[in-house]
Structure formats: C-alpha cells, structure tokens
N, C-alpha and C. Protein backbone atom coordinates (compact mmCIF):
# COMPACT_ATOMS: atom_id res chain seq x y z
N MET A 1 -54.01 3.84 5.93
CA MET A 1 -53.10 4.30 4.90
C MET A 1 -51.99 5.12 5.55
N ALA A 2 -50.76 4.93 5.09
CA ALA A 2 -49.61 5.62 5.66
C ALA A 2 -49.57 7.07 5.19
N PRO A 3 -49.14 7.98 6.06
CA PRO A 3 -49.03 9.37 5.64
C PRO A 3 -47.98 9.51 4.54
N ARG A 4 -48.22 10.46 3.62
CA ARG A 4 -47.31 10.63 2.48
C ARG A 4 -45.96 11.18 2.89
N ASN A 5 -45.85 11.80 4.08
CA ASN A 5 -44.56 12.32 4.52
C ASN A 5 -43.82 11.33 5.41
N GLN A 6 -44.32 10.10 5.50
CA GLN A 6 -43.67 9.06 6.28
C GLN A 6 -42.30 8.76 5.67
N THR A 7 -41.31 8.50 6.52
CA THR A 7 -40.01 8.10 6.01
C THR A 7 -39.81 6.61 6.26
N LEU A 8 -39.21 5.95 5.30
CA LEU A 8 -38.97 4.52 5.36
C LEU A 8 -37.48 4.26 5.51
N THR A 9 -37.14 3.21 6.22
CA THR A 9 -35.74 2.81 6.31
C THR A 9 -35.35 2.13 5.01
N LEU A 10 -34.06 2.01 4.80
CA LEU A 10 -33.58 1.33 3.60
C LEU A 10 -34.06 -0.11 3.56
N LEU A 11 -34.04 -0.78 4.70
CA LEU A 11 -34.51 -2.18 4.74
C LEU A 11 -35.98 -2.29 4.35
N GLU A 12 -36.80 -1.35 4.80
CA GLU A 12 -38.23 -1.37 4.43
C GLU A 12 -38.39 -1.18 2.93
N VAL A 13 -37.63 -0.26 2.37
CA VAL A 13 -37.71 -0.01 0.93
C VAL A 13 -37.23 -1.22 0.14
N LEU A 14 -36.10 -1.80 0.55
CA LEU A 14 -35.57 -2.97 -0.15
C LEU A 14 -36.56 -4.13 -0.14
N ALA A 15 -37.23 -4.33 0.99
CA ALA A 15 -38.23 -5.39 1.08
C ALA A 15 -39.41 -5.11 0.16
N GLU A 16 -39.81 -3.84 0.07
CA GLU A 16 -40.95 -3.48 -0.77
C GLU A 16 -40.64 -3.60 -2.26
N ILE A 17 -39.45 -3.18 -2.66
CA ILE A 17 -39.12 -3.21 -4.09
C ILE A 17 -38.38 -4.49 -4.49
N ARG A 18 -38.12 -5.36 -3.49
CA ARG A 18 -37.49 -6.66 -3.72
C ARG A 18 -36.17 -6.51 -4.49
N LEU A 19 -35.28 -5.76 -3.89
CA LEU A 19 -33.98 -5.48 -4.49
C LEU A 19 -32.92 -5.66 -3.42
N SER A 20 -31.74 -6.11 -3.81
CA SER A 20 -30.66 -6.25 -2.84
C SER A 20 -30.09 -4.87 -2.52
N ARG A 21 -29.40 -4.79 -1.41
CA ARG A 21 -28.76 -3.54 -1.01
C ARG A 21 -27.73 -3.12 -2.05
N ALA A 22 -26.94 -4.07 -2.55
CA ALA A 22 -25.91 -3.76 -3.55
C ALA A 22 -26.54 -3.21 -4.83
N ALA A 23 -27.62 -3.83 -5.28
CA ALA A 23 -28.29 -3.37 -6.50
C ALA A 23 -28.87 -1.97 -6.29
N PHE A 24 -29.41 -1.72 -5.10
CA PHE A 24 -29.96 -0.40 -4.80
C PHE A 24 -28.87 0.66 -4.86
N TYR A 25 -27.72 0.37 -4.25
CA TYR A 25 -26.64 1.35 -4.26
C TYR A 25 -26.07 1.57 -5.66
N ARG A 26 -26.08 0.54 -6.51
CA ARG A 26 -25.67 0.73 -7.92
C ARG A 26 -26.65 1.65 -8.62
N MET A 27 -27.95 1.43 -8.40
CA MET A 27 -28.96 2.30 -9.00
C MET A 27 -28.81 3.73 -8.49
N ARG A 28 -28.54 3.86 -7.21
CA ARG A 28 -28.38 5.19 -6.61
C ARG A 28 -27.17 5.92 -7.22
N ALA A 29 -26.08 5.20 -7.44
CA ALA A 29 -24.88 5.79 -8.03
C ALA A 29 -25.14 6.27 -9.46
N ARG A 30 -26.05 5.59 -10.17
CA ARG A 30 -26.41 6.00 -11.54
C ARG A 30 -27.53 7.02 -11.57
N GLY A 31 -28.06 7.40 -10.40
CA GLY A 31 -29.14 8.37 -10.34
C GLY A 31 -30.49 7.79 -10.71
N LYS A 32 -30.66 6.48 -10.58
CA LYS A 32 -31.90 5.80 -10.97
C LYS A 32 -32.74 5.34 -9.79
N ALA A 33 -32.30 5.60 -8.57
CA ALA A 33 -33.02 5.19 -7.37
C ALA A 33 -33.92 6.32 -6.90
N PRO A 34 -34.87 6.00 -6.01
CA PRO A 34 -35.69 7.07 -5.44
C PRO A 34 -34.81 8.04 -4.66
N GLN A 35 -35.27 9.27 -4.55
CA GLN A 35 -34.51 10.28 -3.81
C GLN A 35 -34.38 9.86 -2.35
N CYS A 36 -33.17 9.98 -1.82
CA CYS A 36 -32.87 9.54 -0.46
C CYS A 36 -32.46 10.72 0.41
N MET A 37 -32.65 10.53 1.70
CA MET A 37 -32.14 11.48 2.70
C MET A 37 -31.08 10.73 3.50
N LYS A 38 -29.94 11.34 3.69
CA LYS A 38 -28.92 10.73 4.54
C LYS A 38 -28.92 11.46 5.87
N LEU A 39 -29.17 10.73 6.93
CA LEU A 39 -29.23 11.29 8.28
C LEU A 39 -27.82 11.54 8.81
N PRO A 40 -27.67 12.40 9.81
CA PRO A 40 -26.35 12.68 10.37
C PRO A 40 -25.61 11.43 10.85
N ASN A 41 -26.34 10.41 11.25
CA ASN A 41 -25.70 9.17 11.71
C ASN A 41 -25.34 8.24 10.55
N GLY A 42 -25.58 8.68 9.30
CA GLY A 42 -25.22 7.90 8.12
C GLY A 42 -26.32 7.01 7.58
N GLN A 43 -27.41 6.88 8.31
CA GLN A 43 -28.51 6.04 7.84
C GLN A 43 -29.25 6.71 6.69
N ILE A 44 -29.84 5.89 5.83
CA ILE A 44 -30.60 6.36 4.68
C ILE A 44 -32.09 6.26 5.00
N ARG A 45 -32.83 7.28 4.63
CA ARG A 45 -34.30 7.27 4.73
C ARG A 45 -34.86 7.72 3.39
N ILE A 46 -36.03 7.18 3.06
CA ILE A 46 -36.70 7.53 1.81
C ILE A 46 -38.14 7.90 2.15
N ARG A 47 -38.56 9.05 1.68
CA ARG A 47 -39.95 9.48 1.92
C ARG A 47 -40.89 8.59 1.12
N ARG A 48 -42.02 8.27 1.71
CA ARG A 48 -43.05 7.47 1.03
C ARG A 48 -43.44 8.14 -0.27
N SER A 49 -43.60 9.45 -0.27
CA SER A 49 -44.01 10.16 -1.49
C SER A 49 -42.94 10.04 -2.59
N ASP A 50 -41.66 10.06 -2.22
CA ASP A 50 -40.59 9.90 -3.20
C ASP A 50 -40.57 8.49 -3.78
N LEU A 51 -40.81 7.49 -2.93
CA LEU A 51 -40.86 6.11 -3.41
C LEU A 51 -42.05 5.91 -4.34
N ASP A 52 -43.21 6.46 -3.98
CA ASP A 52 -44.39 6.34 -4.83
C ASP A 52 -44.18 7.02 -6.19
N ALA A 53 -43.53 8.20 -6.17
CA ALA A 53 -43.24 8.91 -7.42
C ALA A 53 -42.26 8.10 -8.27
N TRP A 54 -41.28 7.50 -7.65
CA TRP A 54 -40.30 6.67 -8.36
C TRP A 54 -41.00 5.48 -9.02
N PHE A 55 -41.90 4.82 -8.26
CA PHE A 55 -42.67 3.71 -8.82
C PHE A 55 -43.46 4.16 -10.04
N ALA A 56 -44.10 5.30 -9.95
CA ALA A 56 -44.90 5.82 -11.05
C ALA A 56 -44.05 6.05 -12.30
N ASN A 57 -42.83 6.52 -12.10
CA ASN A 57 -41.93 6.75 -13.23
C ASN A 57 -41.36 5.47 -13.82
N CYS A 58 -41.45 4.37 -13.08
CA CYS A 58 -40.92 3.08 -13.56
C CYS A 58 -41.93 2.33 -14.44
N GLU A 59 -43.16 2.80 -14.48
CA GLU A 59 -44.17 2.09 -15.24
C GLU A 59 -43.83 2.11 -16.73
N VAL A 60 -44.07 1.00 -17.38
CA VAL A 60 -43.80 0.85 -18.80
C VAL A 60 -45.12 1.00 -19.56
N ALA A 61 -45.08 1.70 -20.66
CA ALA A 61 -46.28 1.86 -21.48
C ALA A 61 -46.70 0.50 -22.03
N PRO A 62 -48.01 0.25 -22.11
CA PRO A 62 -48.48 -1.05 -22.64
C PRO A 62 -48.08 -1.21 -24.10
N CYS A 63 -47.84 -2.45 -24.47
CA CYS A 63 -47.44 -2.76 -25.86
C CYS A 63 -48.62 -2.78 -26.80
C-alpha cells in the first residue's frame, strides 16, 4: 500500500482518474479538482491523501 503522504505526478493522476489534461485544468480553474501543489519548476504534484479525499467527495448517494 502506498504511503498517504506520497505525491503523484499529474500524468499518474490523469491515468488514475481517466481524464484528459485539458479537462483536469478546466476542473482546476473551477475549483473542482483535487488540491494541487505547484513545484518551483512549474510541475504539478497531488498528494495521495488529497486525491483520496477528492474521490470520497465525488461519490453520489444511492438512488
């Protein structure tokens, strides 16, 4: 099991959530994406714990 403080690259996150880069950035602009960290070199990283929390908030109540 991966540590909860592990950071994921944007490509790893996009592969996991099956979303295009453009769609992710649109969600991020609307404040609907998982919390991101921007590194000094401009790369984006997302903590595993933030991605898991985001997934939990995306769940829909059963009908």
